[in-house]
Amino acid sequence: MSPFMPDQFAAAQNANLRHLFALTNLAFDGFQKLTELNLQAVRTALADGQDNVEAVLAGKDLREVLAVKGNPAQPAAEKAVAYARHVYEIASSTQAELSKAVEAQYEQHNRNAQAFVDTFVKSAPAGSEAITALLQSSVAAASSTYQSFQNAAKQTAEIAKANFATTAAAASGAAQQAAPRASKQ
């Protein structure tokens, strides 16, 4: 029996296409969430701008108009930090879902490759020990390389997460420090 069956090849291609469509849908869901966040941010900015214009127009004298201006630095900085946090959460959750899907696909591919090698080894003619050993070591090396890349990607994601948290905290602190200074002016 030959390890190269057309039905198996067609089934593998169908599985790969299903996986591609699943990844595309995950990416599209992340894009949709980001688009919805951006639309909400624009709506909020328009509403805030309208409220400010209406408050300025409602002022009866210069003192009331200047009082409306208040201190926009802190709320604007807080909104920017909140927006960045939402973008990061969307990107991070989308990346995590994509990583899970790719990892599951890789594990399935690895199992299939190992099954192929096992089938090949069982049906290999005498004297092909070098080829079978090469196939087995190639599968093991590919698996080891993938694990190294996966570990590096996880470490990079953790570092990015820590850097984002530090940056967000610093930006929030800077906005809070700027608020009292701006109100004194």
N, C-alpha and C. Protein backbone atom coordinates (compact mmCIF):
# COMPACT_ATOMS: atom_id res chain seq x y z
N MET A 1 0.85 -1.18 0.00
CA MET A 1 0.00 0.00 0.00
C MET A 1 0.89 1.24 0.00
N SER A 2 0.60 2.17 -0.84
CA SER A 2 1.39 3.38 -0.98
C SER A 2 0.95 4.42 0.05
N PRO A 3 1.93 5.14 0.67
CA PRO A 3 1.54 6.18 1.63
C PRO A 3 0.98 7.43 0.94
N PHE A 4 1.06 7.49 -0.38
CA PHE A 4 0.58 8.65 -1.13
C PHE A 4 -0.79 8.35 -1.74
N MET A 5 -1.83 8.61 -1.02
CA MET A 5 -3.19 8.34 -1.49
C MET A 5 -3.84 9.65 -1.94
N PRO A 6 -4.46 9.65 -3.12
CA PRO A 6 -5.11 10.88 -3.60
C PRO A 6 -6.24 11.35 -2.67
N ASP A 7 -6.96 10.42 -2.08
CA ASP A 7 -8.04 10.81 -1.16
C ASP A 7 -7.49 11.53 0.06
N GLN A 8 -6.35 11.05 0.57
CA GLN A 8 -5.73 11.70 1.72
C GLN A 8 -5.24 13.10 1.35
N PHE A 9 -4.68 13.22 0.16
CA PHE A 9 -4.21 14.53 -0.31
C PHE A 9 -5.38 15.50 -0.43
N ALA A 10 -6.49 15.05 -1.02
CA ALA A 10 -7.69 15.91 -1.16
C ALA A 10 -8.24 16.28 0.21
N ALA A 11 -8.27 15.34 1.13
CA ALA A 11 -8.77 15.62 2.48
C ALA A 11 -7.87 16.64 3.18
N ALA A 12 -6.57 16.52 2.99
CA ALA A 12 -5.64 17.48 3.59
C ALA A 12 -5.84 18.87 3.01
N GLN A 13 -6.05 18.94 1.70
CA GLN A 13 -6.28 20.24 1.08
C GLN A 13 -7.59 20.87 1.58
N ASN A 14 -8.62 20.07 1.73
CA ASN A 14 -9.90 20.57 2.27
C ASN A 14 -9.72 21.07 3.70
N ALA A 15 -8.98 20.32 4.49
CA ALA A 15 -8.74 20.74 5.88
C ALA A 15 -7.96 22.05 5.91
N ASN A 16 -6.97 22.17 5.03
CA ASN A 16 -6.18 23.41 4.98
C ASN A 16 -7.05 24.60 4.56
N LEU A 17 -7.94 24.39 3.63
CA LEU A 17 -8.84 25.47 3.21
C LEU A 17 -9.79 25.87 4.34
N ARG A 18 -10.33 24.89 5.05
CA ARG A 18 -11.19 25.19 6.20
C ARG A 18 -10.42 25.99 7.25
N HIS A 19 -9.18 25.59 7.46
CA HIS A 19 -8.35 26.30 8.43
C HIS A 19 -8.07 27.73 7.96
N LEU A 20 -7.79 27.90 6.70
CA LEU A 20 -7.56 29.24 6.15
C LEU A 20 -8.79 30.12 6.34
N PHE A 21 -9.97 29.57 6.05
CA PHE A 21 -11.20 30.34 6.22
C PHE A 21 -11.44 30.68 7.69
N ALA A 22 -11.12 29.76 8.59
CA ALA A 22 -11.28 30.02 10.01
C ALA A 22 -10.35 31.16 10.45
N LEU A 23 -9.11 31.14 9.99
CA LEU A 23 -8.16 32.21 10.33
C LEU A 23 -8.62 33.54 9.75
N THR A 24 -9.13 33.51 8.53
CA THR A 24 -9.62 34.73 7.90
C THR A 24 -10.79 35.30 8.69
N ASN A 25 -11.69 34.44 9.14
CA ASN A 25 -12.82 34.91 9.95
C ASN A 25 -12.37 35.49 11.28
N LEU A 26 -11.38 34.87 11.92
CA LEU A 26 -10.85 35.41 13.17
C LEU A 26 -10.25 36.80 12.95
N ALA A 27 -9.46 36.94 11.89
CA ALA A 27 -8.85 38.24 11.59
C ALA A 27 -9.92 39.27 11.27
N PHE A 28 -10.93 38.88 10.53
CA PHE A 28 -12.02 39.80 10.19
C PHE A 28 -12.79 40.22 11.44
N ASP A 29 -13.01 39.30 12.37
CA ASP A 29 -13.69 39.64 13.63
C ASP A 29 -12.89 40.69 14.40
N GLY A 30 -11.58 40.53 14.45
CA GLY A 30 -10.73 41.52 15.11
C GLY A 30 -10.81 42.87 14.42
N PHE A 31 -10.79 42.86 13.10
CA PHE A 31 -10.91 44.10 12.32
C PHE A 31 -12.26 44.77 12.58
N GLN A 32 -13.32 43.96 12.66
CA GLN A 32 -14.65 44.50 12.93
C GLN A 32 -14.70 45.15 14.31
N LYS A 33 -14.11 44.51 15.31
CA LYS A 33 -14.09 45.08 16.66
C LYS A 33 -13.33 46.40 16.67
N LEU A 34 -12.22 46.45 15.96
CA LEU A 34 -11.43 47.68 15.89
C LEU A 34 -12.21 48.78 15.18
N THR A 35 -12.91 48.44 14.12
CA THR A 35 -13.73 49.42 13.40
C THR A 35 -14.84 49.94 14.29
N GLU A 36 -15.48 49.06 15.04
CA GLU A 36 -16.54 49.49 15.96
C GLU A 36 -15.99 50.41 17.04
N LEU A 37 -14.80 50.10 17.56
CA LEU A 37 -14.17 50.97 18.55
C LEU A 37 -13.88 52.35 17.95
N ASN A 38 -13.37 52.38 16.73
CA ASN A 38 -13.07 53.65 16.08
C ASN A 38 -14.34 54.46 15.85
N LEU A 39 -15.41 53.81 15.43
CA LEU A 39 -16.68 54.51 15.23
C LEU A 39 -17.20 55.08 16.55
N GLN A 40 -17.07 54.30 17.61
CA GLN A 40 -17.50 54.79 18.93
C GLN A 40 -16.64 55.98 19.37
N ALA A 41 -15.35 55.92 19.11
CA ALA A 41 -14.46 57.03 19.47
C ALA A 41 -14.85 58.30 18.71
N VAL A 42 -15.17 58.15 17.42
CA VAL A 42 -15.58 59.31 16.62
C VAL A 42 -16.90 59.86 17.13
N ARG A 43 -17.85 58.97 17.43
CA ARG A 43 -19.15 59.41 17.98
C ARG A 43 -18.95 60.19 19.28
N THR A 44 -18.11 59.67 20.16
CA THR A 44 -17.85 60.33 21.44
C THR A 44 -17.19 61.68 21.22
N ALA A 45 -16.23 61.75 20.32
CA ALA A 45 -15.55 63.02 20.05
C ALA A 45 -16.53 64.04 19.47
N LEU A 46 -17.40 63.60 18.57
CA LEU A 46 -18.40 64.52 18.02
C LEU A 46 -19.37 65.00 19.10
N ALA A 47 -19.80 64.09 19.95
CA ALA A 47 -20.73 64.47 21.03
C ALA A 47 -20.07 65.44 22.00
N ASP A 48 -18.81 65.17 22.36
CA ASP A 48 -18.08 66.08 23.25
C ASP A 48 -17.90 67.45 22.61
N GLY A 49 -17.55 67.45 21.32
CA GLY A 49 -17.39 68.73 20.62
C GLY A 49 -18.70 69.50 20.56
N GLN A 50 -19.78 68.80 20.30
CA GLN A 50 -21.09 69.45 20.27
C GLN A 50 -21.45 70.01 21.64
N ASP A 51 -21.21 69.25 22.68
CA ASP A 51 -21.49 69.72 24.04
C ASP A 51 -20.67 70.97 24.36
N ASN A 52 -19.41 70.97 23.97
CA ASN A 52 -18.55 72.14 24.23
C ASN A 52 -19.04 73.37 23.47
N VAL A 53 -19.39 73.18 22.21
CA VAL A 53 -19.87 74.31 21.40
C VAL A 53 -21.18 74.85 21.99
N GLU A 54 -22.08 73.96 22.35
CA GLU A 54 -23.35 74.40 22.94
C GLU A 54 -23.13 75.13 24.27
N ALA A 55 -22.19 74.63 25.07
CA ALA A 55 -21.89 75.29 26.35
C ALA A 55 -21.28 76.67 26.13
N VAL A 56 -20.40 76.80 25.14
CA VAL A 56 -19.80 78.10 24.83
C VAL A 56 -20.86 79.07 24.32
N LEU A 57 -21.74 78.58 23.45
CA LEU A 57 -22.78 79.44 22.91
C LEU A 57 -23.81 79.84 23.98
N ALA A 58 -23.95 79.00 24.99
CA ALA A 58 -24.90 79.31 26.06
C ALA A 58 -24.33 80.33 27.05
N GLY A 59 -23.01 80.56 27.02
CA GLY A 59 -22.39 81.53 27.94
C GLY A 59 -22.86 82.94 27.66
N LYS A 60 -23.15 83.65 28.74
CA LYS A 60 -23.69 85.00 28.58
C LYS A 60 -22.58 86.06 28.54
N ASP A 61 -21.46 85.74 29.16
CA ASP A 61 -20.36 86.70 29.12
C ASP A 61 -19.04 85.94 28.96
N LEU A 62 -17.95 86.68 28.85
CA LEU A 62 -16.64 86.08 28.60
C LEU A 62 -16.22 85.14 29.73
N ARG A 63 -16.56 85.47 30.96
CA ARG A 63 -16.18 84.64 32.10
C ARG A 63 -16.83 83.25 32.00
N GLU A 64 -18.10 83.21 31.64
CA GLU A 64 -18.79 81.92 31.50
C GLU A 64 -18.22 81.12 30.34
N VAL A 65 -17.88 81.81 29.24
CA VAL A 65 -17.30 81.12 28.09
C VAL A 65 -15.95 80.52 28.46
N LEU A 66 -15.11 81.28 29.19
CA LEU A 66 -13.81 80.77 29.59
C LEU A 66 -13.94 79.66 30.63
N ALA A 67 -14.96 79.70 31.44
CA ALA A 67 -15.17 78.66 32.44
C ALA A 67 -15.55 77.33 31.78
N VAL A 68 -16.21 77.40 30.64
CA VAL A 68 -16.61 76.19 29.93
C VAL A 68 -15.38 75.43 29.46
N LYS A 69 -14.37 76.17 29.02
CA LYS A 69 -13.16 75.53 28.51
C LYS A 69 -12.58 74.59 29.56
N GLY A 70 -12.56 75.03 30.81
CA GLY A 70 -12.10 74.19 31.91
C GLY A 70 -10.73 73.62 31.66
N ASN A 71 -10.59 72.34 31.94
CA ASN A 71 -9.31 71.66 31.76
C ASN A 71 -9.51 70.41 30.92
N PRO A 72 -9.41 70.54 29.61
CA PRO A 72 -9.62 69.36 28.76
C PRO A 72 -8.43 68.40 28.71
N ALA A 73 -7.28 68.79 29.26
CA ALA A 73 -6.08 67.95 29.14
C ALA A 73 -6.26 66.59 29.81
N GLN A 74 -6.75 66.58 31.05
CA GLN A 74 -6.88 65.31 31.75
C GLN A 74 -7.92 64.40 31.11
N PRO A 75 -9.15 64.88 30.83
CA PRO A 75 -10.10 63.96 30.18
C PRO A 75 -9.61 63.47 28.82
N ALA A 76 -8.95 64.33 28.06
CA ALA A 76 -8.46 63.92 26.75
C ALA A 76 -7.37 62.85 26.90
N ALA A 77 -6.49 63.03 27.85
CA ALA A 77 -5.43 62.05 28.08
C ALA A 77 -6.01 60.73 28.57
N GLU A 78 -6.98 60.82 29.46
CA GLU A 78 -7.62 59.60 29.96
C GLU A 78 -8.35 58.86 28.84
N LYS A 79 -9.00 59.62 27.96
CA LYS A 79 -9.68 58.99 26.82
C LYS A 79 -8.67 58.36 25.87
N ALA A 80 -7.55 59.02 25.66
CA ALA A 80 -6.52 58.47 24.77
C ALA A 80 -5.95 57.18 25.35
N VAL A 81 -5.72 57.18 26.66
CA VAL A 81 -5.20 55.97 27.31
C VAL A 81 -6.25 54.85 27.24
N ALA A 82 -7.52 55.19 27.48
CA ALA A 82 -8.59 54.18 27.41
C ALA A 82 -8.71 53.63 25.99
N TYR A 83 -8.63 54.51 25.01
CA TYR A 83 -8.69 54.08 23.60
C TYR A 83 -7.53 53.14 23.29
N ALA A 84 -6.34 53.52 23.68
CA ALA A 84 -5.16 52.69 23.42
C ALA A 84 -5.30 51.34 24.12
N ARG A 85 -5.85 51.35 25.33
CA ARG A 85 -6.06 50.10 26.06
C ARG A 85 -7.04 49.20 25.31
N HIS A 86 -8.12 49.79 24.79
CA HIS A 86 -9.09 49.00 24.03
C HIS A 86 -8.47 48.43 22.75
N VAL A 87 -7.70 49.25 22.05
CA VAL A 87 -7.03 48.77 20.84
C VAL A 87 -6.10 47.61 21.19
N TYR A 88 -5.35 47.77 22.28
CA TYR A 88 -4.43 46.72 22.70
C TYR A 88 -5.20 45.44 23.05
N GLU A 89 -6.32 45.58 23.76
CA GLU A 89 -7.12 44.40 24.14
C GLU A 89 -7.65 43.67 22.90
N ILE A 90 -8.13 44.45 21.93
CA ILE A 90 -8.64 43.84 20.70
C ILE A 90 -7.51 43.12 19.96
N ALA A 91 -6.39 43.80 19.81
CA ALA A 91 -5.25 43.20 19.10
C ALA A 91 -4.74 41.97 19.84
N SER A 92 -4.66 42.07 21.14
CA SER A 92 -4.14 40.98 21.94
C SER A 92 -5.08 39.77 21.91
N SER A 93 -6.38 40.00 22.03
CA SER A 93 -7.31 38.86 22.00
C SER A 93 -7.37 38.23 20.61
N THR A 94 -7.31 39.06 19.58
CA THR A 94 -7.30 38.52 18.22
C THR A 94 -6.04 37.70 17.97
N GLN A 95 -4.92 38.23 18.42
CA GLN A 95 -3.65 37.51 18.27
C GLN A 95 -3.69 36.20 19.04
N ALA A 96 -4.27 36.20 20.24
CA ALA A 96 -4.35 34.97 21.03
C ALA A 96 -5.23 33.93 20.33
N GLU A 97 -6.36 34.36 19.78
CA GLU A 97 -7.23 33.43 19.06
C GLU A 97 -6.54 32.88 17.81
N LEU A 98 -5.86 33.75 17.08
CA LEU A 98 -5.13 33.29 15.90
C LEU A 98 -4.02 32.31 16.29
N SER A 99 -3.33 32.62 17.38
CA SER A 99 -2.26 31.73 17.84
C SER A 99 -2.79 30.36 18.21
N LYS A 100 -3.94 30.34 18.91
CA LYS A 100 -4.54 29.05 19.28
C LYS A 100 -4.90 28.24 18.03
N ALA A 101 -5.49 28.91 17.05
CA ALA A 101 -5.89 28.22 15.83
C ALA A 101 -4.68 27.70 15.07
N VAL A 102 -3.64 28.51 14.97
CA VAL A 102 -2.43 28.09 14.26
C VAL A 102 -1.75 26.95 15.02
N GLU A 103 -1.72 27.06 16.33
CA GLU A 103 -1.10 26.01 17.13
C GLU A 103 -1.86 24.69 16.97
N ALA A 104 -3.18 24.74 17.00
CA ALA A 104 -3.97 23.52 16.81
C ALA A 104 -3.72 22.92 15.43
N GLN A 105 -3.65 23.80 14.42
CA GLN A 105 -3.38 23.32 13.06
C GLN A 105 -1.99 22.71 12.97
N TYR A 106 -1.03 23.34 13.61
CA TYR A 106 0.33 22.82 13.57
C TYR A 106 0.40 21.46 14.25
N GLU A 107 -0.26 21.34 15.41
CA GLU A 107 -0.25 20.06 16.11
C GLU A 107 -0.87 18.96 15.25
N GLN A 108 -1.97 19.30 14.56
CA GLN A 108 -2.60 18.31 13.67
C GLN A 108 -1.65 17.96 12.53
N HIS A 109 -1.02 18.98 11.96
CA HIS A 109 -0.06 18.75 10.87
C HIS A 109 1.10 17.87 11.36
N ASN A 110 1.57 18.14 12.55
CA ASN A 110 2.67 17.37 13.12
C ASN A 110 2.26 15.91 13.33
N ARG A 111 1.04 15.70 13.83
CA ARG A 111 0.55 14.33 13.99
C ARG A 111 0.44 13.63 12.63
N ASN A 112 -0.06 14.35 11.63
CA ASN A 112 -0.17 13.78 10.28
C ASN A 112 1.20 13.44 9.71
N ALA A 113 2.16 14.34 9.91
CA ALA A 113 3.52 14.09 9.40
C ALA A 113 4.13 12.88 10.10
N GLN A 114 3.91 12.78 11.40
CA GLN A 114 4.44 11.64 12.14
C GLN A 114 3.77 10.34 11.69
N ALA A 115 2.46 10.40 11.43
CA ALA A 115 1.75 9.21 10.94
C ALA A 115 2.29 8.81 9.56
N PHE A 116 2.55 9.80 8.72
CA PHE A 116 3.12 9.52 7.40
C PHE A 116 4.48 8.85 7.54
N VAL A 117 5.32 9.40 8.41
CA VAL A 117 6.65 8.83 8.60
C VAL A 117 6.54 7.41 9.14
N ASP A 118 5.64 7.20 10.10
CA ASP A 118 5.46 5.86 10.66
C ASP A 118 5.01 4.87 9.58
N THR A 119 4.07 5.31 8.73
CA THR A 119 3.60 4.45 7.64
C THR A 119 4.73 4.17 6.66
N PHE A 120 5.50 5.20 6.37
CA PHE A 120 6.62 5.04 5.44
C PHE A 120 7.65 4.07 6.02
N VAL A 121 7.95 4.21 7.31
CA VAL A 121 8.95 3.35 7.95
C VAL A 121 8.48 1.89 7.92
N LYS A 122 7.18 1.68 8.17
CA LYS A 122 6.65 0.31 8.19
C LYS A 122 6.70 -0.33 6.79
N SER A 123 6.47 0.46 5.76
CA SER A 123 6.42 -0.11 4.42
C SER A 123 7.71 0.10 3.64
N ALA A 124 8.74 0.62 4.27
CA ALA A 124 10.01 0.86 3.58
C ALA A 124 10.73 -0.46 3.33
N PRO A 125 11.35 -0.55 2.18
CA PRO A 125 12.08 -1.79 1.88
C PRO A 125 13.36 -1.89 2.72
N ALA A 126 13.87 -3.06 2.78
CA ALA A 126 15.12 -3.28 3.53
C ALA A 126 16.24 -2.45 2.91
N GLY A 127 17.09 -1.93 3.76
CA GLY A 127 18.21 -1.12 3.28
C GLY A 127 17.91 0.37 3.23
N SER A 128 16.71 0.79 3.61
CA SER A 128 16.37 2.22 3.58
C SER A 128 16.35 2.83 4.98
N GLU A 129 17.14 2.25 5.87
CA GLU A 129 17.19 2.74 7.25
C GLU A 129 17.69 4.19 7.32
N ALA A 130 18.62 4.55 6.45
CA ALA A 130 19.16 5.92 6.46
C ALA A 130 18.07 6.93 6.10
N ILE A 131 17.26 6.60 5.13
CA ILE A 131 16.18 7.50 4.71
C ILE A 131 15.13 7.62 5.81
N THR A 132 14.78 6.51 6.40
CA THR A 132 13.76 6.56 7.46
C THR A 132 14.28 7.32 8.68
N ALA A 133 15.56 7.14 9.00
CA ALA A 133 16.16 7.88 10.12
C ALA A 133 16.16 9.38 9.80
N LEU A 134 16.45 9.73 8.56
CA LEU A 134 16.45 11.14 8.14
C LEU A 134 15.05 11.73 8.26
N LEU A 135 14.05 11.00 7.81
CA LEU A 135 12.67 11.48 7.93
C LEU A 135 12.28 11.69 9.38
N GLN A 136 12.60 10.74 10.23
CA GLN A 136 12.25 10.85 11.64
C GLN A 136 12.97 12.02 12.31
N SER A 137 14.23 12.21 11.99
CA SER A 137 14.97 13.33 12.60
C SER A 137 14.49 14.67 12.04
N SER A 138 14.05 14.70 10.79
CA SER A 138 13.52 15.93 10.20
C SER A 138 12.24 16.35 10.89
N VAL A 139 11.36 15.39 11.15
CA VAL A 139 10.11 15.70 11.85
C VAL A 139 10.41 16.19 13.26
N ALA A 140 11.34 15.54 13.94
CA ALA A 140 11.71 15.96 15.30
C ALA A 140 12.34 17.35 15.30
N ALA A 141 13.19 17.64 14.32
CA ALA A 141 13.83 18.96 14.24
C ALA A 141 12.80 20.05 13.93
N ALA A 142 11.85 19.76 13.05
CA ALA A 142 10.81 20.74 12.74
C ALA A 142 9.96 21.03 13.97
N SER A 143 9.65 20.00 14.72
CA SER A 143 8.86 20.18 15.94
C SER A 143 9.62 21.01 16.96
N SER A 144 10.90 20.72 17.12
CA SER A 144 11.73 21.47 18.06
C SER A 144 11.85 22.94 17.65
N THR A 145 12.02 23.18 16.36
CA THR A 145 12.12 24.56 15.86
C THR A 145 10.82 25.31 16.10
N TYR A 146 9.71 24.66 15.84
CA TYR A 146 8.41 25.29 16.07
C TYR A 146 8.24 25.64 17.55
N GLN A 147 8.61 24.74 18.43
CA GLN A 147 8.49 25.01 19.86
C GLN A 147 9.35 26.20 20.26
N SER A 148 10.53 26.31 19.69
CA SER A 148 11.41 27.46 19.99
C SER A 148 10.77 28.76 19.53
N PHE A 149 10.21 28.76 18.32
CA PHE A 149 9.55 29.96 17.81
C PHE A 149 8.32 30.30 18.66
N GLN A 150 7.59 29.29 19.04
CA GLN A 150 6.39 29.52 19.85
C GLN A 150 6.77 30.11 21.21
N ASN A 151 7.81 29.59 21.83
CA ASN A 151 8.25 30.14 23.12
C ASN A 151 8.73 31.58 22.97
N ALA A 152 9.46 31.86 21.92
CA ALA A 152 9.94 33.22 21.68
C ALA A 152 8.76 34.17 21.44
N ALA A 153 7.75 33.72 20.71
CA ALA A 153 6.58 34.56 20.46
C ALA A 153 5.82 34.84 21.75
N LYS A 154 5.71 33.85 22.61
CA LYS A 154 5.02 34.05 23.90
C LYS A 154 5.79 35.03 24.77
N GLN A 155 7.11 34.91 24.80
CA GLN A 155 7.92 35.85 25.57
C GLN A 155 7.79 37.27 25.03
N THR A 156 7.79 37.40 23.71
CA THR A 156 7.64 38.72 23.09
C THR A 156 6.28 39.32 23.43
N ALA A 157 5.24 38.51 23.39
CA ALA A 157 3.90 38.99 23.74
C ALA A 157 3.83 39.43 25.19
N GLU A 158 4.47 38.70 26.09
CA GLU A 158 4.47 39.08 27.51
C GLU A 158 5.25 40.38 27.72
N ILE A 159 6.35 40.55 27.02
CA ILE A 159 7.13 41.78 27.13
C ILE A 159 6.32 42.96 26.60
N ALA A 160 5.65 42.77 25.47
CA ALA A 160 4.81 43.83 24.90
C ALA A 160 3.68 44.19 25.86
N LYS A 161 3.09 43.21 26.49
CA LYS A 161 2.01 43.45 27.44
C LYS A 161 2.53 44.26 28.63
N ALA A 162 3.68 43.89 29.16
CA ALA A 162 4.27 44.62 30.28
C ALA A 162 4.63 46.04 29.88
N ASN A 163 5.20 46.20 28.68
CA ASN A 163 5.55 47.54 28.20
C ASN A 163 4.31 48.41 28.02
N PHE A 164 3.24 47.82 27.51
CA PHE A 164 2.01 48.58 27.34
C PHE A 164 1.45 49.02 28.68
N ALA A 165 1.44 48.13 29.65
CA ALA A 165 0.93 48.47 30.98
C ALA A 165 1.76 49.60 31.60
N THR A 166 3.07 49.53 31.45
CA THR A 166 3.95 50.58 31.98
C THR A 166 3.69 51.91 31.28
N THR A 167 3.57 51.87 29.97
CA THR A 167 3.33 53.09 29.19
C THR A 167 1.98 53.70 29.53
N ALA A 168 0.96 52.87 29.67
CA ALA A 168 -0.37 53.37 30.02
C ALA A 168 -0.38 54.00 31.40
N ALA A 169 0.30 53.38 32.34
CA ALA A 169 0.37 53.93 33.69
C ALA A 169 1.12 55.26 33.68
N ALA A 170 2.20 55.35 32.92
CA ALA A 170 2.97 56.60 32.84
C ALA A 170 2.14 57.70 32.19
N ALA A 171 1.41 57.37 31.12
CA ALA A 171 0.58 58.37 30.43
C ALA A 171 -0.54 58.85 31.35
N SER A 172 -1.14 57.95 32.07
CA SER A 172 -2.21 58.32 32.99
C SER A 172 -1.67 59.21 34.11
N GLY A 173 -0.51 58.86 34.64
CA GLY A 173 0.12 59.68 35.68
C GLY A 173 0.50 61.05 35.18
N ALA A 174 1.00 61.13 33.97
CA ALA A 174 1.37 62.43 33.38
C ALA A 174 0.14 63.30 33.19
N ALA A 175 -0.97 62.69 32.78
CA ALA A 175 -2.21 63.45 32.60
C ALA A 175 -2.72 63.97 33.93
N GLN A 176 -2.61 63.16 34.96
CA GLN A 176 -3.07 63.61 36.28
C GLN A 176 -2.19 64.72 36.83
N GLN A 177 -0.89 64.68 36.54
CA GLN A 177 0.01 65.75 36.98
C GLN A 177 -0.21 67.02 36.17
N ALA A 178 -0.58 66.89 34.92
CA ALA A 178 -0.78 68.05 34.07
C ALA A 178 -2.08 68.78 34.43
N ALA A 179 -3.05 68.07 34.97
CA ALA A 179 -4.34 68.67 35.27
C ALA A 179 -4.24 69.82 36.28
N PRO A 180 -3.57 69.65 37.40
CA PRO A 180 -3.49 70.78 38.33
C PRO A 180 -2.73 71.99 37.76
N ARG A 181 -1.70 71.72 36.97
CA ARG A 181 -0.93 72.82 36.37
C ARG A 181 -1.77 73.58 35.36
N ALA A 182 -2.57 72.88 34.59
CA ALA A 182 -3.39 73.52 33.58
C ALA A 182 -4.50 74.33 34.22
N SER A 183 -5.03 73.86 35.33
CA SER A 183 -6.12 74.59 35.98
C SER A 183 -5.62 75.86 36.65
N LYS A 184 -4.33 75.95 36.98
CA LYS A 184 -3.78 77.15 37.61
C LYS A 184 -3.56 78.25 36.58
N GLN A 185 -3.48 77.91 35.33
CA GLN A 185 -3.17 78.91 34.29
C GLN A 185 -4.35 79.72 33.92
